[in-house]
N, C-alpha and C. Protein backbone atom coordinates (compact mmCIF):
# COMPACT_ATOMS: atom_id res chain seq x y z
N MET A 1 150.45 -47.62 -141.37
CA MET A 1 150.38 -46.96 -142.66
C MET A 1 149.04 -47.28 -143.31
N THR A 2 148.35 -46.24 -143.79
CA THR A 2 147.05 -46.45 -144.43
C THR A 2 147.22 -47.01 -145.85
N VAL A 3 146.14 -47.51 -146.38
CA VAL A 3 146.13 -48.03 -147.75
C VAL A 3 146.48 -46.91 -148.73
N VAL A 4 145.97 -45.72 -148.48
CA VAL A 4 146.25 -44.59 -149.37
C VAL A 4 147.72 -44.22 -149.31
N THR A 5 148.31 -44.20 -148.13
CA THR A 5 149.73 -43.86 -148.00
C THR A 5 150.59 -44.89 -148.71
N ALA A 6 150.31 -46.15 -148.52
CA ALA A 6 151.08 -47.21 -149.18
C ALA A 6 150.95 -47.10 -150.70
N SER A 7 149.74 -46.85 -151.16
CA SER A 7 149.52 -46.71 -152.60
C SER A 7 150.22 -45.47 -153.13
N PHE A 8 150.17 -44.38 -152.38
CA PHE A 8 150.85 -43.16 -152.80
C PHE A 8 152.35 -43.39 -152.95
N LEU A 9 152.94 -44.01 -151.97
CA LEU A 9 154.39 -44.26 -152.04
C LEU A 9 154.76 -45.12 -153.23
N ARG A 10 153.90 -46.05 -153.55
CA ARG A 10 154.12 -46.96 -154.68
C ARG A 10 153.85 -46.28 -156.03
N GLU A 11 152.85 -45.39 -156.07
CA GLU A 11 152.34 -44.87 -157.34
C GLU A 11 152.68 -43.41 -157.64
N ALA A 12 153.41 -42.73 -156.80
CA ALA A 12 153.64 -41.29 -156.97
C ALA A 12 154.31 -40.97 -158.31
N GLU A 13 155.34 -41.70 -158.67
CA GLU A 13 156.02 -41.44 -159.95
C GLU A 13 155.10 -41.69 -161.14
N TRP A 14 154.35 -42.78 -161.09
CA TRP A 14 153.40 -43.08 -162.16
C TRP A 14 152.35 -41.97 -162.28
N LEU A 15 151.87 -41.49 -161.13
CA LEU A 15 150.86 -40.46 -161.12
C LEU A 15 151.39 -39.16 -161.73
N ALA A 16 152.59 -38.76 -161.35
CA ALA A 16 153.19 -37.55 -161.91
C ALA A 16 153.40 -37.69 -163.42
N ARG A 17 153.89 -38.82 -163.84
CA ARG A 17 154.12 -39.07 -165.27
C ARG A 17 152.80 -39.02 -166.05
N THR A 18 151.76 -39.62 -165.49
CA THR A 18 150.45 -39.61 -166.13
C THR A 18 149.91 -38.19 -166.26
N LEU A 19 150.05 -37.38 -165.23
CA LEU A 19 149.60 -36.00 -165.28
C LEU A 19 150.37 -35.19 -166.32
N ARG A 20 151.69 -35.39 -166.37
CA ARG A 20 152.50 -34.68 -167.37
C ARG A 20 152.07 -35.06 -168.78
N GLN A 21 151.79 -36.33 -169.01
CA GLN A 21 151.38 -36.78 -170.34
C GLN A 21 149.99 -36.27 -170.70
N ARG A 22 149.07 -36.32 -169.78
CA ARG A 22 147.69 -35.93 -170.06
C ARG A 22 147.49 -34.44 -170.19
N PHE A 23 148.16 -33.68 -169.32
CA PHE A 23 147.90 -32.25 -169.23
C PHE A 23 149.09 -31.37 -169.62
N LYS A 24 150.21 -31.96 -169.96
CA LYS A 24 151.41 -31.19 -170.32
C LYS A 24 151.77 -30.21 -169.21
N LEU A 25 151.74 -30.70 -167.98
CA LEU A 25 151.97 -29.86 -166.81
C LEU A 25 153.43 -29.80 -166.41
N GLN A 26 153.85 -28.63 -165.97
CA GLN A 26 155.18 -28.48 -165.38
C GLN A 26 155.16 -28.85 -163.90
N GLY A 27 154.08 -28.54 -163.21
CA GLY A 27 154.00 -28.75 -161.77
C GLY A 27 153.27 -30.02 -161.37
N ALA A 28 153.47 -31.08 -162.10
CA ALA A 28 152.76 -32.33 -161.81
C ALA A 28 153.07 -32.84 -160.40
N GLU A 29 154.31 -32.68 -159.95
CA GLU A 29 154.68 -33.16 -158.62
C GLU A 29 153.91 -32.42 -157.53
N ASP A 30 153.64 -31.13 -157.75
CA ASP A 30 152.85 -30.37 -156.78
C ASP A 30 151.43 -30.92 -156.69
N ILE A 31 150.87 -31.30 -157.81
CA ILE A 31 149.52 -31.86 -157.82
C ILE A 31 149.52 -33.22 -157.13
N VAL A 32 150.56 -34.00 -157.34
CA VAL A 32 150.67 -35.30 -156.68
C VAL A 32 150.71 -35.10 -155.16
N GLN A 33 151.47 -34.13 -154.69
CA GLN A 33 151.54 -33.86 -153.25
C GLN A 33 150.19 -33.38 -152.71
N GLU A 34 149.53 -32.49 -153.46
CA GLU A 34 148.21 -32.02 -153.05
C GLU A 34 147.21 -33.18 -152.98
N THR A 35 147.32 -34.09 -153.92
CA THR A 35 146.46 -35.27 -153.94
C THR A 35 146.64 -36.07 -152.66
N TYR A 36 147.89 -36.30 -152.29
CA TYR A 36 148.15 -37.06 -151.06
C TYR A 36 147.58 -36.33 -149.84
N LEU A 37 147.80 -35.03 -149.78
CA LEU A 37 147.30 -34.28 -148.62
C LEU A 37 145.78 -34.38 -148.49
N ARG A 38 145.09 -34.37 -149.61
CA ARG A 38 143.63 -34.48 -149.56
C ARG A 38 143.16 -35.87 -149.15
N LEU A 39 143.97 -36.89 -149.45
CA LEU A 39 143.53 -38.26 -149.20
C LEU A 39 144.19 -38.95 -148.01
N ALA A 40 145.15 -38.33 -147.40
CA ALA A 40 145.96 -38.97 -146.37
C ALA A 40 145.14 -39.54 -145.21
N THR A 41 144.04 -38.92 -144.90
CA THR A 41 143.26 -39.37 -143.74
C THR A 41 142.20 -40.41 -144.10
N GLN A 42 142.07 -40.73 -145.38
CA GLN A 42 141.08 -41.73 -145.80
C GLN A 42 141.52 -43.12 -145.36
N THR A 43 140.60 -43.88 -144.82
CA THR A 43 140.96 -45.21 -144.34
C THR A 43 140.26 -46.34 -145.09
N ASP A 44 139.04 -46.12 -145.50
CA ASP A 44 138.28 -47.18 -146.14
C ASP A 44 138.24 -46.95 -147.65
N VAL A 45 139.31 -47.33 -148.33
CA VAL A 45 139.44 -47.10 -149.77
C VAL A 45 139.56 -48.45 -150.47
N GLN A 46 138.66 -48.70 -151.40
CA GLN A 46 138.66 -49.97 -152.11
C GLN A 46 139.67 -50.02 -153.25
N HIS A 47 139.80 -48.92 -153.98
CA HIS A 47 140.67 -48.87 -155.16
C HIS A 47 141.57 -47.64 -155.06
N PRO A 48 142.63 -47.70 -154.26
CA PRO A 48 143.43 -46.50 -153.97
C PRO A 48 144.10 -45.89 -155.21
N ARG A 49 144.56 -46.72 -156.14
CA ARG A 49 145.22 -46.17 -157.33
C ARG A 49 144.22 -45.36 -158.17
N ALA A 50 143.03 -45.88 -158.33
CA ALA A 50 141.99 -45.18 -159.08
C ALA A 50 141.60 -43.87 -158.37
N LEU A 51 141.51 -43.92 -157.06
CA LEU A 51 141.16 -42.72 -156.30
C LEU A 51 142.26 -41.67 -156.42
N LEU A 52 143.52 -42.08 -156.31
CA LEU A 52 144.63 -41.14 -156.48
C LEU A 52 144.55 -40.46 -157.84
N LEU A 53 144.32 -41.24 -158.89
CA LEU A 53 144.25 -40.67 -160.23
C LEU A 53 143.07 -39.73 -160.36
N ARG A 54 141.89 -40.12 -159.89
CA ARG A 54 140.70 -39.28 -160.01
C ARG A 54 140.90 -37.95 -159.31
N VAL A 55 141.41 -37.97 -158.08
CA VAL A 55 141.61 -36.73 -157.33
C VAL A 55 142.67 -35.86 -158.02
N ALA A 56 143.75 -36.45 -158.48
CA ALA A 56 144.81 -35.70 -159.15
C ALA A 56 144.31 -35.06 -160.44
N VAL A 57 143.53 -35.79 -161.21
CA VAL A 57 142.97 -35.25 -162.46
C VAL A 57 142.03 -34.09 -162.14
N ASN A 58 141.23 -34.23 -161.11
CA ASN A 58 140.32 -33.14 -160.73
C ASN A 58 141.10 -31.89 -160.31
N ILE A 59 142.17 -32.07 -159.56
CA ILE A 59 142.99 -30.93 -159.15
C ILE A 59 143.63 -30.29 -160.38
N ALA A 60 144.15 -31.08 -161.29
CA ALA A 60 144.77 -30.54 -162.51
C ALA A 60 143.76 -29.75 -163.33
N ARG A 61 142.56 -30.29 -163.49
CA ARG A 61 141.52 -29.57 -164.24
C ARG A 61 141.15 -28.26 -163.57
N ASP A 62 141.04 -28.28 -162.25
CA ASP A 62 140.72 -27.05 -161.52
C ASP A 62 141.81 -26.00 -161.74
N GLN A 63 143.07 -26.41 -161.69
CA GLN A 63 144.17 -25.48 -161.90
C GLN A 63 144.16 -24.92 -163.31
N LEU A 64 143.89 -25.77 -164.29
CA LEU A 64 143.84 -25.29 -165.67
C LEU A 64 142.68 -24.32 -165.87
N ARG A 65 141.54 -24.61 -165.27
CA ARG A 65 140.39 -23.68 -165.37
C ARG A 65 140.74 -22.33 -164.75
N ARG A 66 141.37 -22.35 -163.59
CA ARG A 66 141.76 -21.10 -162.94
C ARG A 66 142.73 -20.30 -163.80
N ALA A 67 143.67 -21.00 -164.43
CA ALA A 67 144.65 -20.33 -165.30
C ALA A 67 143.95 -19.67 -166.49
N ILE A 68 142.98 -20.35 -167.07
CA ILE A 68 142.23 -19.78 -168.20
C ILE A 68 141.49 -18.52 -167.78
N VAL A 69 140.82 -18.58 -166.65
CA VAL A 69 140.07 -17.41 -166.16
C VAL A 69 141.04 -16.28 -165.84
N ARG A 70 142.15 -16.58 -165.18
CA ARG A 70 143.13 -15.57 -164.83
C ARG A 70 143.68 -14.90 -166.09
N ASP A 71 144.00 -15.69 -167.11
CA ASP A 71 144.52 -15.13 -168.36
C ASP A 71 143.47 -14.27 -169.06
N ARG A 72 142.24 -14.72 -169.03
CA ARG A 72 141.15 -13.96 -169.66
C ARG A 72 140.98 -12.61 -168.97
N HIS A 73 141.01 -12.61 -167.64
CA HIS A 73 140.87 -11.35 -166.90
C HIS A 73 142.06 -10.44 -167.16
N ALA A 74 143.24 -11.00 -167.22
CA ALA A 74 144.44 -10.20 -167.47
C ALA A 74 144.39 -9.57 -168.86
N SER A 75 143.95 -10.32 -169.86
CA SER A 75 143.90 -9.77 -171.21
C SER A 75 142.82 -8.69 -171.32
N GLN A 76 141.71 -8.85 -170.61
CA GLN A 76 140.67 -7.82 -170.62
C GLN A 76 141.15 -6.56 -169.92
N ALA A 77 141.89 -6.72 -168.84
CA ALA A 77 142.42 -5.56 -168.12
C ALA A 77 143.39 -4.79 -168.99
N ILE A 78 144.21 -5.50 -169.73
CA ILE A 78 145.17 -4.85 -170.62
C ILE A 78 144.44 -4.12 -171.75
N ARG A 79 143.44 -4.79 -172.32
CA ARG A 79 142.69 -4.23 -173.44
C ARG A 79 141.95 -2.94 -173.03
N PHE A 80 141.42 -2.90 -171.82
CA PHE A 80 140.65 -1.75 -171.37
C PHE A 80 141.46 -0.78 -170.53
N GLY A 81 142.76 -1.00 -170.45
CA GLY A 81 143.63 -0.06 -169.76
C GLY A 81 143.66 -0.18 -168.25
N GLY A 82 143.11 -1.24 -167.71
CA GLY A 82 143.15 -1.45 -166.26
C GLY A 82 144.36 -2.26 -165.86
N THR A 83 144.54 -2.42 -164.57
CA THR A 83 145.65 -3.25 -164.10
C THR A 83 145.14 -4.36 -163.23
């Protein structure tokens, strides 16, 4: 078992709770799983909890940015009569 896997198993609930508190997310568990998938093959990690949090926060921010852009495009399409 890698350091990242052991840390993930230990910290997954904390990570999901932190994401829900910081970003008011419904899908925090999905971000936690995506975080693990991105880091599962890492072997030389000095601070696994910090790395898990950093990657999860980056994923959450990316998702929020995408949602903002998607909503903006949808509202413009409605305003100009497009679909």
